[in-house]
Every structure is written in structure tokens, then in C-alpha cells.
Amino acid sequence: MRPGAGLIDYLRDGGFPAPLTSPDGDQLRRVYFNDIVERDVRERVGARSSLPLRQLVQMVFESAGSEMSVRRVAAAIGVAADTAALYLEATESAYLTFSCPYFAWSARQRSARNRKYYPVDTGLRRVAVTRTGADRGKMLECATYIELRKRYREVFYWRDRGEVDFVVLHEGEPLPVQVSWDGPEERHRKALDAFHEAHPRSREAVFVTAESWQRGLPDLPAG
């Protein structure tokens, strides 16, 4: 988060420097979005039209933090599943989206589960999505993912009897991270109980809230 910025401002505007000082920052963010889709993604996959690519990215942005089925994406934008998978890989290569795999020690188990996806920037997400409702909790989750990527090499999620938003490795041991605007709820604690039961050598969970974010996430150890 840029110095002096409030959390709400940061979640709304994101971190791209130029739009923050532009008289029409959102227009500049839309230019960024269109340029990345058109030049970096479309040219990479050789797509005839940028429309399905734009639809795919908007779908990913709107569903940020939810498991994403490649087949469901393919059906929604009218392409084959293999093509949708190629498009998703291209958005990652262009640093427009990031995927968050399921946490398991086994690569086979990880690959068997759907991934979650997150936008590169919360401001870019806001101007790109078709629904812009009061989703501050979702935006905080997106911002937390971006921050975790900066601090740790890999970021995962976990779901069984409940969901753990993120899992990172700290000194070789799993560290679960839950995100909630106001603080942990019962469902978060139940999910963590299930996670620690499945991974008994895991570290104590870190809860990310609006208040802890404003303090610089002091409970989150250095990567």
C-alpha cells in the first residue's frame, strides 16, 4: 500500500502509479486493461478476436477467490476447454492474473483440484468487472494475495470441511492465512481446525483484517 493511502483508497485505486496522479485515473486503468488483453494476451495466443479473452479475464476478475473450472470458463465464453486453458495461461504470462493452486504436498493432488485466480491489481479489477458492488471483503482478499506473493515464493489455498483462504510455507511448514474484514468468524475457525487436523505440523494461523492491514500485517512473518 502506498504511503499515506487509506485502505479503502488502496483497494479502490490499486497500485499502478500513473493513474493515482492522473485527472482521469480510471480511464488510464481501462487503457492498461485493454492494452494488456489486446497486445500481451491476444498476440501471445494468436486469437482472431479479443472478445473471448476480455470475457475470460472479466469472469476471472469477478470470480476472484473462487475455484475456477476451466470447463465452466470454456462454456461461458464459447471455446474449447483446451483453448480456455491456453487463454488462462496467457493471462498469467502477461501478469494480468495469478493462479492460486490447492495446497497439498503431492503434486498429483494439487493438479487434481481447480485453481483460484486473482487480479494483478485491485484498481484494474474494479474498472474491468461488470459488477462493482460493495465487495470490500473480496478486494481485501485480492490485496492480501498480492501481498503474500511479494513475501513468499508460492501461495496456495485449501478446502475440505471449510476453506482456508491462503496457505504459504514459512521455514518449510504450512502457515494458514484467513482474510476477514472485521475479524474471524466461526466458519473460519472450523476450517482451520480441519486444516490443522489434516496438517498437524502447520503453524498457528494468521488472520488478516482491515485493522491488521492498516498496521502493516505485523502478525505475518517474513517470507
C-alpha atoms as a PDB file:
ATOM      1  CA  MET A   1       0.000   0.000   0.000  1.00  0.00           C
ATOM      2  CA  ARG A   2       1.417   3.370  -0.995  1.00  0.00           C
ATOM      3  CA  PRO A   3       2.469   5.637   1.906  1.00  0.00           C
ATOM      4  CA  GLY A   4      -0.327   7.805   3.274  1.00  0.00           C
ATOM      5  CA  ALA A   5      -3.101   5.950   1.469  1.00  0.00           C
ATOM      6  CA  GLY A   6      -6.066   4.680   3.392  1.00  0.00           C
ATOM      7  CA  LEU A   7      -7.044   1.072   2.936  1.00  0.00           C
ATOM      8  CA  ILE A   8     -10.308   1.891   1.140  1.00  0.00           C
ATOM      9  CA  ASP A   9      -8.448   4.170  -1.275  1.00  0.00           C
ATOM     10  CA  TYR A  10      -5.850   1.499  -1.937  1.00  0.00           C
ATOM     11  CA  LEU A  11      -8.433  -1.214  -2.579  1.00  0.00           C
ATOM     12  CA  ARG A  12     -10.350   1.087  -4.906  1.00  0.00           C
ATOM     13  CA  ASP A  13      -7.410   2.537  -6.814  1.00  0.00           C
ATOM     14  CA  GLY A  14      -4.808  -0.226  -6.733  1.00  0.00           C
ATOM     15  CA  GLY A  15      -1.086   0.304  -7.052  1.00  0.00           C
ATOM     16  CA  PHE A  16      -0.317   1.441 -10.602  1.00  0.00           C
ATOM     17  CA  PRO A  17       1.476   4.781 -10.060  1.00  0.00           C
ATOM     18  CA  ALA A  18       0.366   6.870 -13.077  1.00  0.00           C
ATOM     19  CA  PRO A  19      -3.422   6.546 -12.539  1.00  0.00           C
ATOM     20  CA  LEU A  20      -3.018   7.721  -8.941  1.00  0.00           C
ATOM     21  CA  THR A  21      -1.959  11.181 -10.122  1.00  0.00           C
ATOM     22  CA  SER A  22      -3.987  11.331 -13.337  1.00  0.00           C
ATOM     23  CA  PRO A  23      -7.108  13.535 -13.526  1.00  0.00           C
ATOM     24  CA  ASP A  24      -8.881  10.509 -15.026  1.00  0.00           C
ATOM     25  CA  GLY A  25      -7.245   7.527 -13.365  1.00  0.00           C
ATOM     26  CA  ASP A  26      -9.995   5.087 -14.270  1.00  0.00           C
ATOM     27  CA  GLN A  27      -9.681   5.892 -17.963  1.00  0.00           C
ATOM     28  CA  LEU A  28      -5.962   5.150 -17.737  1.00  0.00           C
ATOM     29  CA  ARG A  29      -6.688   1.877 -15.912  1.00  0.00           C
ATOM     30  CA  ARG A  30      -9.059   0.872 -18.718  1.00  0.00           C
ATOM     31  CA  VAL A  31      -6.330   1.644 -21.244  1.00  0.00           C
ATOM     32  CA  TYR A  32      -3.951  -0.597 -19.292  1.00  0.00           C
ATOM     33  CA  PHE A  33      -6.518  -3.385 -19.215  1.00  0.00           C
ATOM     34  CA  ASN A  34      -7.294  -3.149 -22.943  1.00  0.00           C
ATOM     35  CA  ASP A  35      -3.625  -2.921 -23.925  1.00  0.00           C
ATOM     36  CA  ILE A  36      -2.664  -5.990 -21.891  1.00  0.00           C
ATOM     37  CA  VAL A  37      -5.550  -8.029 -23.290  1.00  0.00           C
ATOM     38  CA  GLU A  38      -5.013  -6.883 -26.873  1.00  0.00           C
ATOM     39  CA  ARG A  39      -1.239  -6.798 -27.126  1.00  0.00           C
ATOM     40  CA  ASP A  40       0.146  -9.132 -24.491  1.00  0.00           C
ATOM     41  CA  VAL A  41      -2.535 -11.816 -24.333  1.00  0.00           C
ATOM     42  CA  ARG A  42      -4.136 -11.845 -27.781  1.00  0.00           C
ATOM     43  CA  GLU A  43      -0.842 -11.711 -29.642  1.00  0.00           C
ATOM     44  CA  ARG A  44       0.570 -14.425 -27.409  1.00  0.00           C
ATOM     45  CA  VAL A  45      -2.197 -16.916 -28.284  1.00  0.00           C
ATOM     46  CA  GLY A  46      -2.867 -15.685 -31.827  1.00  0.00           C
ATOM     47  CA  ALA A  47      -6.594 -15.238 -31.191  1.00  0.00           C
ATOM     48  CA  ARG A  48      -8.661 -13.773 -34.033  1.00  0.00           C
ATOM     49  CA  SER A  49     -10.748 -11.711 -31.654  1.00  0.00           C
ATOM     50  CA  SER A  50     -10.041 -10.190 -28.269  1.00  0.00           C
ATOM     51  CA  LEU A  51     -13.695 -10.545 -27.184  1.00  0.00           C
ATOM     52  CA  PRO A  52     -13.454 -14.057 -25.665  1.00  0.00           C
ATOM     53  CA  LEU A  53     -10.194 -13.065 -23.985  1.00  0.00           C
ATOM     54  CA  ARG A  54     -11.813  -9.987 -22.486  1.00  0.00           C
ATOM     55  CA  GLN A  55     -14.790 -12.073 -21.330  1.00  0.00           C
ATOM     56  CA  LEU A  56     -12.468 -14.627 -19.761  1.00  0.00           C
ATOM     57  CA  VAL A  57     -10.489 -12.020 -17.813  1.00  0.00           C
ATOM     58  CA  GLN A  58     -13.664 -10.288 -16.640  1.00  0.00           C
ATOM     59  CA  MET A  59     -15.014 -13.640 -15.486  1.00  0.00           C
ATOM     60  CA  VAL A  60     -11.796 -14.379 -13.598  1.00  0.00           C
ATOM     61  CA  PHE A  61     -11.778 -10.913 -12.037  1.00  0.00           C
ATOM     62  CA  GLU A  62     -15.408 -11.151 -10.934  1.00  0.00           C
ATOM     63  CA  SER A  63     -14.873 -14.645  -9.504  1.00  0.00           C
ATOM     64  CA  ALA A  64     -11.586 -13.765  -7.797  1.00  0.00           C
ATOM     65  CA  GLY A  65     -11.026 -16.015  -4.819  1.00  0.00           C
ATOM     66  CA  SER A  66     -13.332 -18.771  -6.057  1.00  0.00           C
ATOM     67  CA  GLU A  67     -12.237 -22.070  -7.544  1.00  0.00           C
ATOM     68  CA  MET A  68     -12.314 -21.768 -11.315  1.00  0.00           C
ATOM     69  CA  SER A  69     -13.314 -24.649 -13.563  1.00  0.00           C
ATOM     70  CA  VAL A  70     -11.687 -24.480 -16.986  1.00  0.00           C
ATOM     71  CA  ARG A  71     -14.668 -26.289 -18.489  1.00  0.00           C
ATOM     72  CA  ARG A  72     -17.079 -23.761 -16.992  1.00  0.00           C
ATOM     73  CA  VAL A  73     -14.986 -20.892 -18.331  1.00  0.00           C
ATOM     74  CA  ALA A  74     -14.848 -22.528 -21.763  1.00  0.00           C
ATOM     75  CA  ALA A  75     -18.624 -22.966 -21.869  1.00  0.00           C
ATOM     76  CA  ALA A  76     -19.193 -19.367 -20.765  1.00  0.00           C
ATOM     77  CA  ILE A  77     -17.026 -17.808 -23.490  1.00  0.00           C
ATOM     78  CA  GLY A  78     -17.805 -20.358 -26.213  1.00  0.00           C
ATOM     79  CA  VAL A  79     -14.435 -22.004 -26.790  1.00  0.00           C
ATOM     80  CA  ALA A  80     -12.994 -25.487 -26.282  1.00  0.00           C
ATOM     81  CA  ALA A  81     -11.633 -26.399 -22.850  1.00  0.00           C
ATOM     82  CA  ASP A  82      -8.080 -26.669 -24.206  1.00  0.00           C
ATOM     83  CA  THR A  83      -8.391 -23.180 -25.665  1.00  0.00           C
ATOM     84  CA  ALA A  84      -9.698 -21.772 -22.387  1.00  0.00           C
ATOM     85  CA  ALA A  85      -6.751 -23.357 -20.562  1.00  0.00           C
ATOM     86  CA  LEU A  86      -4.371 -21.770 -23.080  1.00  0.00           C
ATOM     87  CA  TYR A  87      -6.032 -18.385 -22.596  1.00  0.00           C
ATOM     88  CA  LEU A  88      -5.752 -18.638 -18.811  1.00  0.00           C
ATOM     89  CA  GLU A  89      -2.053 -19.487 -19.081  1.00  0.00           C
ATOM     90  CA  ALA A  90      -1.574 -16.493 -21.366  1.00  0.00           C
ATOM     91  CA  THR A  91      -3.200 -14.091 -18.889  1.00  0.00           C
ATOM     92  CA  GLU A  92      -0.760 -15.355 -16.262  1.00  0.00           C
ATOM     93  CA  SER A  93       2.223 -14.999 -18.604  1.00  0.00           C
ATOM     94  CA  ALA A  94       1.110 -11.409 -19.238  1.00  0.00           C
ATOM     95  CA  TYR A  95       0.938 -10.805 -15.461  1.00  0.00           C
ATOM     96  CA  LEU A  96      -2.733  -9.878 -15.690  1.00  0.00           C
ATOM     97  CA  THR A  97      -3.902 -12.711 -13.449  1.00  0.00           C
ATOM     98  CA  PHE A  98      -2.278 -15.060 -10.951  1.00  0.00           C
ATOM     99  CA  SER A  99      -3.375 -18.593 -10.161  1.00  0.00           C
ATOM    100  CA  CYS A 100      -3.539 -19.985  -6.656  1.00  0.00           C
ATOM    101  CA  PRO A 101      -3.301 -23.802  -6.541  1.00  0.00           C
ATOM    102  CA  TYR A 102      -4.707 -26.148  -3.933  1.00  0.00           C
ATOM    103  CA  PHE A 103      -2.343 -26.897  -1.059  1.00  0.00           C
ATOM    104  CA  ALA A 104      -1.097 -30.473  -0.856  1.00  0.00           C
ATOM    105  CA  TRP A 105       2.353 -31.975  -0.544  1.00  0.00           C
ATOM    106  CA  SER A 106       1.593 -34.200  -3.531  1.00  0.00           C
ATOM    107  CA  ALA A 107       1.836 -32.555  -6.963  1.00  0.00           C
ATOM    108  CA  ARG A 108      -0.725 -35.046  -8.197  1.00  0.00           C
ATOM    109  CA  GLN A 109      -3.217 -33.948  -5.556  1.00  0.00           C
ATOM    110  CA  ARG A 110      -2.602 -30.308  -6.362  1.00  0.00           C
ATOM    111  CA  SER A 111      -3.148 -30.816 -10.075  1.00  0.00           C
ATOM    112  CA  ALA A 112      -6.393 -32.714  -9.489  1.00  0.00           C
ATOM    113  CA  ARG A 113      -8.063 -29.665  -7.936  1.00  0.00           C
ATOM    114  CA  ASN A 114      -9.245 -26.451  -9.559  1.00  0.00           C
ATOM    115  CA  ARG A 115      -7.215 -23.316  -9.013  1.00  0.00           C
ATOM    116  CA  LYS A 116      -8.335 -19.960  -7.696  1.00  0.00           C
ATOM    117  CA  TYR A 117      -7.377 -16.828  -9.629  1.00  0.00           C
ATOM    118  CA  TYR A 118      -6.625 -13.276  -8.570  1.00  0.00           C
ATOM    119  CA  PRO A 119      -6.097  -9.985 -10.463  1.00  0.00           C
ATOM    120  CA  VAL A 120      -2.732  -8.274 -10.611  1.00  0.00           C
ATOM    121  CA  ASP A 121      -4.259  -5.061  -9.267  1.00  0.00           C
ATOM    122  CA  THR A 122      -7.447  -4.205  -7.354  1.00  0.00           C
ATOM    123  CA  GLY A 123      -7.952  -0.943  -9.247  1.00  0.00           C
ATOM    124  CA  LEU A 124      -7.694  -2.765 -12.562  1.00  0.00           C
ATOM    125  CA  ARG A 125     -10.239  -5.304 -11.334  1.00  0.00           C
ATOM    126  CA  ARG A 126     -12.696  -2.596 -10.328  1.00  0.00           C
ATOM    127  CA  VAL A 127     -12.772  -0.910 -13.743  1.00  0.00           C
ATOM    128  CA  ALA A 128     -12.866  -4.222 -15.645  1.00  0.00           C
ATOM    129  CA  VAL A 129     -15.673  -6.101 -13.916  1.00  0.00           C
ATOM    130  CA  THR A 130     -19.303  -5.688 -14.893  1.00  0.00           C
ATOM    131  CA  ARG A 131     -20.484  -5.821 -11.280  1.00  0.00           C
ATOM    132  CA  THR A 132     -18.978  -3.328  -8.871  1.00  0.00           C
ATOM    133  CA  GLY A 133     -20.999  -3.950  -5.724  1.00  0.00           C
ATOM    134  CA  ALA A 134     -19.827  -3.445  -2.170  1.00  0.00           C
ATOM    135  CA  ASP A 135     -17.258  -6.241  -2.147  1.00  0.00           C
ATOM    136  CA  ARG A 136     -14.646  -4.784   0.164  1.00  0.00           C
ATOM    137  CA  GLY A 137     -14.010  -8.201   1.724  1.00  0.00           C
ATOM    138  CA  LYS A 138     -13.270  -9.655  -1.703  1.00  0.00           C
ATOM    139  CA  MET A 139     -10.999  -6.741  -2.541  1.00  0.00           C
ATOM    140  CA  LEU A 140      -9.131  -7.217   0.744  1.00  0.00           C
ATOM    141  CA  GLU A 141      -8.662 -10.880  -0.153  1.00  0.00           C
ATOM    142  CA  CYS A 142      -7.275  -9.888  -3.565  1.00  0.00           C
ATOM    143  CA  ALA A 143      -4.900  -7.369  -1.997  1.00  0.00           C
ATOM    144  CA  THR A 144      -3.783  -9.944   0.573  1.00  0.00           C
ATOM    145  CA  TYR A 145      -2.970 -12.439  -2.160  1.00  0.00           C
ATOM    146  CA  ILE A 146      -0.848  -9.841  -3.963  1.00  0.00           C
ATOM    147  CA  GLU A 147       0.989  -9.052  -0.721  1.00  0.00           C
ATOM    148  CA  LEU A 148       1.584 -12.728   0.029  1.00  0.00           C
ATOM    149  CA  ARG A 149       3.089 -13.214  -3.434  1.00  0.00           C
ATOM    150  CA  LYS A 150       5.560 -10.444  -2.636  1.00  0.00           C
ATOM    151  CA  ARG A 151       6.580 -12.017   0.684  1.00  0.00           C
ATOM    152  CA  TYR A 152       6.552 -15.730  -0.191  1.00  0.00           C
ATOM    153  CA  ARG A 153       7.519 -17.713  -3.238  1.00  0.00           C
ATOM    154  CA  GLU A 154       4.253 -19.613  -3.537  1.00  0.00           C
ATOM    155  CA  VAL A 155       0.682 -19.072  -2.332  1.00  0.00           C
ATOM    156  CA  PHE A 156      -1.932 -21.829  -2.066  1.00  0.00           C
ATOM    157  CA  TYR A 157      -5.481 -22.296  -0.806  1.00  0.00           C
ATOM    158  CA  TRP A 158      -7.057 -25.253   0.995  1.00  0.00           C
ATOM    159  CA  ARG A 159     -10.595 -26.576   1.121  1.00  0.00           C
ATOM    160  CA  ASP A 160     -12.157 -29.589   2.762  1.00  0.00           C
ATOM    161  CA  ARG A 161     -14.509 -29.070   5.706  1.00  0.00           C
ATOM    162  CA  GLY A 162     -14.412 -25.355   5.119  1.00  0.00           C
ATOM    163  CA  GLU A 163     -11.905 -23.179   3.298  1.00  0.00           C
ATOM    164  CA  VAL A 164      -8.593 -21.665   4.301  1.00  0.00           C
ATOM    165  CA  ASP A 165      -8.121 -18.620   2.094  1.00  0.00           C
ATOM    166  CA  PHE A 166      -4.361 -18.964   1.751  1.00  0.00           C
ATOM    167  CA  VAL A 167      -1.531 -21.258   2.755  1.00  0.00           C
ATOM    168  CA  VAL A 168       2.118 -20.242   2.489  1.00  0.00           C
ATOM    169  CA  LEU A 169       5.262 -22.041   3.553  1.00  0.00           C
ATOM    170  CA  HIS A 170       7.302 -20.466   6.332  1.00  0.00           C
ATOM    171  CA  GLU A 171      10.545 -22.242   7.207  1.00  0.00           C
ATOM    172  CA  GLY A 172       9.218 -25.334   5.462  1.00  0.00           C
ATOM    173  CA  GLU A 173       5.973 -25.512   7.447  1.00  0.00           C
ATOM    174  CA  PRO A 174       2.465 -24.590   6.262  1.00  0.00           C
ATOM    175  CA  LEU A 175       1.137 -21.280   7.533  1.00  0.00           C
ATOM    176  CA  PRO A 176      -2.633 -20.820   7.047  1.00  0.00           C
ATOM    177  CA  VAL A 177      -3.957 -17.305   6.440  1.00  0.00           C
ATOM    178  CA  GLN A 178      -7.605 -16.297   6.763  1.00  0.00           C
ATOM    179  CA  VAL A 179      -8.969 -12.991   5.459  1.00  0.00           C
ATOM    180  CA  SER A 180     -11.977 -11.263   7.008  1.00  0.00           C
ATOM    181  CA  TRP A 181     -12.737  -7.563   7.018  1.00  0.00           C
ATOM    182  CA  ASP A 182     -13.910  -7.309  10.625  1.00  0.00           C
ATOM    183  CA  GLY A 183     -12.312 -10.405  12.147  1.00  0.00           C
ATOM    184  CA  PRO A 184     -12.558 -14.186  12.206  1.00  0.00           C
ATOM    185  CA  GLU A 185     -15.945 -15.863  12.229  1.00  0.00           C
ATOM    186  CA  GLU A 186     -16.899 -19.334  13.407  1.00  0.00           C
ATOM    187  CA  ARG A 187     -16.613 -20.745   9.882  1.00  0.00           C
ATOM    188  CA  HIS A 188     -13.003 -19.562   9.691  1.00  0.00           C
ATOM    189  CA  ARG A 189     -12.128 -21.319  12.935  1.00  0.00           C
ATOM    190  CA  LYS A 190     -13.864 -24.548  11.882  1.00  0.00           C
ATOM    191  CA  ALA A 191     -11.951 -24.543   8.609  1.00  0.00           C
ATOM    192  CA  LEU A 192      -8.693 -24.021  10.486  1.00  0.00           C
ATOM    193  CA  ASP A 193      -9.493 -26.877  12.868  1.00  0.00           C
ATOM    194  CA  ALA A 194      -9.974 -29.140   9.848  1.00  0.00           C
ATOM    195  CA  PHE A 195      -6.765 -27.867   8.247  1.00  0.00           C
ATOM    196  CA  HIS A 196      -4.673 -28.464  11.360  1.00  0.00           C
ATOM    197  CA  GLU A 197      -6.215 -31.906  11.694  1.00  0.00           C
ATOM    198  CA  ALA A 198      -5.118 -32.697   8.131  1.00  0.00           C
ATOM    199  CA  HIS A 199      -1.731 -30.975   8.559  1.00  0.00           C
ATOM    200  CA  PRO A 200      -0.805 -31.255  12.247  1.00  0.00           C
ATOM    201  CA  ARG A 201       2.655 -29.738  11.774  1.00  0.00           C
ATOM    202  CA  SER A 202       1.223 -26.472  10.493  1.00  0.00           C
ATOM    203  CA  ARG A 203       1.912 -23.151  12.152  1.00  0.00           C
ATOM    204  CA  GLU A 204      -0.640 -21.080  14.033  1.00  0.00           C
ATOM    205  CA  ALA A 205      -2.970 -19.258  11.670  1.00  0.00           C
ATOM    206  CA  VAL A 206      -2.673 -15.576  10.824  1.00  0.00           C
ATOM    207  CA  PHE A 207      -5.887 -13.549  10.486  1.00  0.00           C
ATOM    208  CA  VAL A 208      -5.808 -10.631   8.068  1.00  0.00           C
ATOM    209  CA  THR A 209      -8.371  -7.925   8.810  1.00  0.00           C
ATOM    210  CA  ALA A 210      -8.832  -4.336   7.710  1.00  0.00           C
ATOM    211  CA  GLU A 211      -7.288  -3.238  11.000  1.00  0.00           C
ATOM    212  CA  SER A 212      -4.253  -5.528  10.766  1.00  0.00           C
ATOM    213  CA  TRP A 213      -3.685  -4.473   7.136  1.00  0.00           C
ATOM    214  CA  GLN A 214      -3.572  -0.839   8.198  1.00  0.00           C
ATOM    215  CA  ARG A 215      -0.878  -1.797  10.732  1.00  0.00           C
ATOM    216  CA  GLY A 216       1.227  -3.487   8.048  1.00  0.00           C
ATOM    217  CA  LEU A 217       0.251  -7.116   8.812  1.00  0.00           C
ATOM    218  CA  PRO A 218       2.536  -7.391  11.854  1.00  0.00           C
ATOM    219  CA  ASP A 219       1.483 -10.972  12.607  1.00  0.00           C
ATOM    220  CA  LEU A 220       2.644 -12.200   9.216  1.00  0.00           C
ATOM    221  CA  PRO A 221       6.237 -13.479   9.432  1.00  0.00           C
ATOM    222  CA  ALA A 222       8.767 -12.516   6.795  1.00  0.00           C
ATOM    223  CA  GLY A 223       8.993 -14.919   3.896  1.00  0.00           C
END
